[in-house]
Amino acid sequence: MNLLSAFGGGLFIIPLLFLTGIVVFTISGIRSSKSGSKQQTQKGTIYSDKNIPFYKTWQAKFVLGLLIALVIIIIWMYNER
């Protein structure tokens, strides 16, 4: 139980908020990747019915950033206890 003492005193909320953000942006990115795409050209906006991969959405980049930050925060919290 000594391992979980880093999250005592209400500090569990910090990783929980990051996990919630990861889940929300993952769901949003999956929906965005399945809904087709749009491309901005000189002639205007072209809409396409083709699905784009999840990793090409802006949500995927945000999820990756949140995941890296979560790992760093958990390591930091564990070392500060």
C-alpha atoms as a PDB file:
ATOM      1  CA  MET A   1       0.000   0.000   0.000  1.00  0.00           C
ATOM      2  CA  ASN A   2       3.069   2.218   0.214  1.00  0.00           C
ATOM      3  CA  LEU A   3       3.057   2.518  -3.598  1.00  0.00           C
ATOM      4  CA  LEU A   4      -0.324   4.310  -3.593  1.00  0.00           C
ATOM      5  CA  SER A   5       0.714   6.826  -0.922  1.00  0.00           C
ATOM      6  CA  ALA A   6       1.854   9.204  -3.684  1.00  0.00           C
ATOM      7  CA  PHE A   7      -1.814   9.680  -4.614  1.00  0.00           C
ATOM      8  CA  GLY A   8      -3.057  10.280  -1.081  1.00  0.00           C
ATOM      9  CA  GLY A   9      -4.600  13.488   0.162  1.00  0.00           C
ATOM     10  CA  GLY A  10      -6.622  14.136  -2.950  1.00  0.00           C
ATOM     11  CA  LEU A  11      -3.708  14.045  -5.391  1.00  0.00           C
ATOM     12  CA  PHE A  12      -5.372  11.205  -7.302  1.00  0.00           C
ATOM     13  CA  ILE A  13      -7.502  13.836  -9.057  1.00  0.00           C
ATOM     14  CA  ILE A  14      -4.552  15.045 -11.195  1.00  0.00           C
ATOM     15  CA  PRO A  15      -3.957  11.741 -13.044  1.00  0.00           C
ATOM     16  CA  LEU A  16      -7.713  11.143 -13.125  1.00  0.00           C
ATOM     17  CA  LEU A  17      -8.273  14.402 -15.012  1.00  0.00           C
ATOM     18  CA  PHE A  18      -5.542  13.526 -17.505  1.00  0.00           C
ATOM     19  CA  LEU A  19      -7.057  10.063 -18.026  1.00  0.00           C
ATOM     20  CA  THR A  20     -10.479  11.640 -18.568  1.00  0.00           C
ATOM     21  CA  GLY A  21      -8.986  13.996 -21.167  1.00  0.00           C
ATOM     22  CA  ILE A  22      -7.296  11.089 -22.926  1.00  0.00           C
ATOM     23  CA  VAL A  23     -10.566   9.142 -23.124  1.00  0.00           C
ATOM     24  CA  VAL A  24     -12.603  12.148 -24.306  1.00  0.00           C
ATOM     25  CA  PHE A  25     -10.131  13.152 -27.022  1.00  0.00           C
ATOM     26  CA  THR A  26      -9.693   9.534 -28.139  1.00  0.00           C
ATOM     27  CA  ILE A  27     -13.439   9.142 -28.634  1.00  0.00           C
ATOM     28  CA  SER A  28     -13.602  12.511 -30.387  1.00  0.00           C
ATOM     29  CA  GLY A  29     -10.682  11.586 -32.659  1.00  0.00           C
ATOM     30  CA  ILE A  30     -12.184   8.242 -33.600  1.00  0.00           C
ATOM     31  CA  ARG A  31     -15.471   9.917 -34.497  1.00  0.00           C
ATOM     32  CA  SER A  32     -13.605  12.558 -36.464  1.00  0.00           C
ATOM     33  CA  SER A  33     -11.602   9.980 -38.393  1.00  0.00           C
ATOM     34  CA  LYS A  34     -14.740   8.053 -39.367  1.00  0.00           C
ATOM     35  CA  SER A  35     -16.732  11.068 -40.530  1.00  0.00           C
ATOM     36  CA  GLY A  36     -14.773  11.849 -43.683  1.00  0.00           C
ATOM     37  CA  SER A  37     -12.405  14.703 -44.281  1.00  0.00           C
ATOM     38  CA  LYS A  38     -12.124  18.139 -45.763  1.00  0.00           C
ATOM     39  CA  GLN A  39      -9.210  19.666 -47.611  1.00  0.00           C
ATOM     40  CA  GLN A  40      -8.528  23.364 -48.012  1.00  0.00           C
ATOM     41  CA  THR A  41      -7.358  24.301 -51.526  1.00  0.00           C
ATOM     42  CA  GLN A  42      -7.025  27.531 -53.475  1.00  0.00           C
ATOM     43  CA  LYS A  43     -10.408  26.876 -55.087  1.00  0.00           C
ATOM     44  CA  GLY A  44     -12.121  26.398 -51.741  1.00  0.00           C
ATOM     45  CA  THR A  45     -12.945  23.584 -49.380  1.00  0.00           C
ATOM     46  CA  ILE A  46     -13.278  20.076 -50.818  1.00  0.00           C
ATOM     47  CA  TYR A  47     -15.227  17.559 -48.763  1.00  0.00           C
ATOM     48  CA  SER A  48     -14.494  13.862 -49.094  1.00  0.00           C
ATOM     49  CA  ASP A  49     -16.252  10.720 -47.889  1.00  0.00           C
ATOM     50  CA  LYS A  50     -12.947   8.909 -47.372  1.00  0.00           C
ATOM     51  CA  ASN A  51     -12.017   8.064 -43.814  1.00  0.00           C
ATOM     52  CA  ILE A  52      -8.713   9.380 -42.558  1.00  0.00           C
ATOM     53  CA  PRO A  53      -6.513   7.446 -40.117  1.00  0.00           C
ATOM     54  CA  PHE A  54      -6.844   8.305 -36.430  1.00  0.00           C
ATOM     55  CA  TYR A  55      -3.205   9.302 -36.128  1.00  0.00           C
ATOM     56  CA  LYS A  56      -3.693  12.098 -38.679  1.00  0.00           C
ATOM     57  CA  THR A  57      -6.319  13.896 -36.605  1.00  0.00           C
ATOM     58  CA  TRP A  58      -5.413  16.751 -34.275  1.00  0.00           C
ATOM     59  CA  GLN A  59      -7.023  14.821 -31.416  1.00  0.00           C
ATOM     60  CA  ALA A  60      -4.462  12.026 -31.777  1.00  0.00           C
ATOM     61  CA  LYS A  61      -1.615  14.488 -31.326  1.00  0.00           C
ATOM     62  CA  PHE A  62      -3.338  15.905 -28.255  1.00  0.00           C
ATOM     63  CA  VAL A  63      -3.887  12.403 -26.821  1.00  0.00           C
ATOM     64  CA  LEU A  64      -0.204  11.617 -27.304  1.00  0.00           C
ATOM     65  CA  GLY A  65       0.774  14.836 -25.528  1.00  0.00           C
ATOM     66  CA  LEU A  66      -1.579  14.119 -22.635  1.00  0.00           C
ATOM     67  CA  LEU A  67      -0.278  10.557 -22.353  1.00  0.00           C
ATOM     68  CA  ILE A  68       3.337  11.713 -22.185  1.00  0.00           C
ATOM     69  CA  ALA A  69       2.416  14.366 -19.621  1.00  0.00           C
ATOM     70  CA  LEU A  70       0.524  11.766 -17.555  1.00  0.00           C
ATOM     71  CA  VAL A  71       3.522   9.443 -17.409  1.00  0.00           C
ATOM     72  CA  ILE A  72       5.812  12.318 -16.399  1.00  0.00           C
ATOM     73  CA  ILE A  73       3.360  13.485 -13.715  1.00  0.00           C
ATOM     74  CA  ILE A  74       2.957   9.991 -12.252  1.00  0.00           C
ATOM     75  CA  ILE A  75       6.735   9.510 -12.093  1.00  0.00           C
ATOM     76  CA  TRP A  76       7.120  12.964 -10.536  1.00  0.00           C
ATOM     77  CA  MET A  77       4.403  12.314  -7.946  1.00  0.00           C
ATOM     78  CA  TYR A  78       5.917   8.960  -7.034  1.00  0.00           C
ATOM     79  CA  ASN A  79       9.385  10.459  -6.578  1.00  0.00           C
ATOM     80  CA  GLU A  80       8.075  13.354  -4.447  1.00  0.00           C
ATOM     81  CA  ARG A  81       6.271  11.243  -1.870  1.00  0.00           C
END
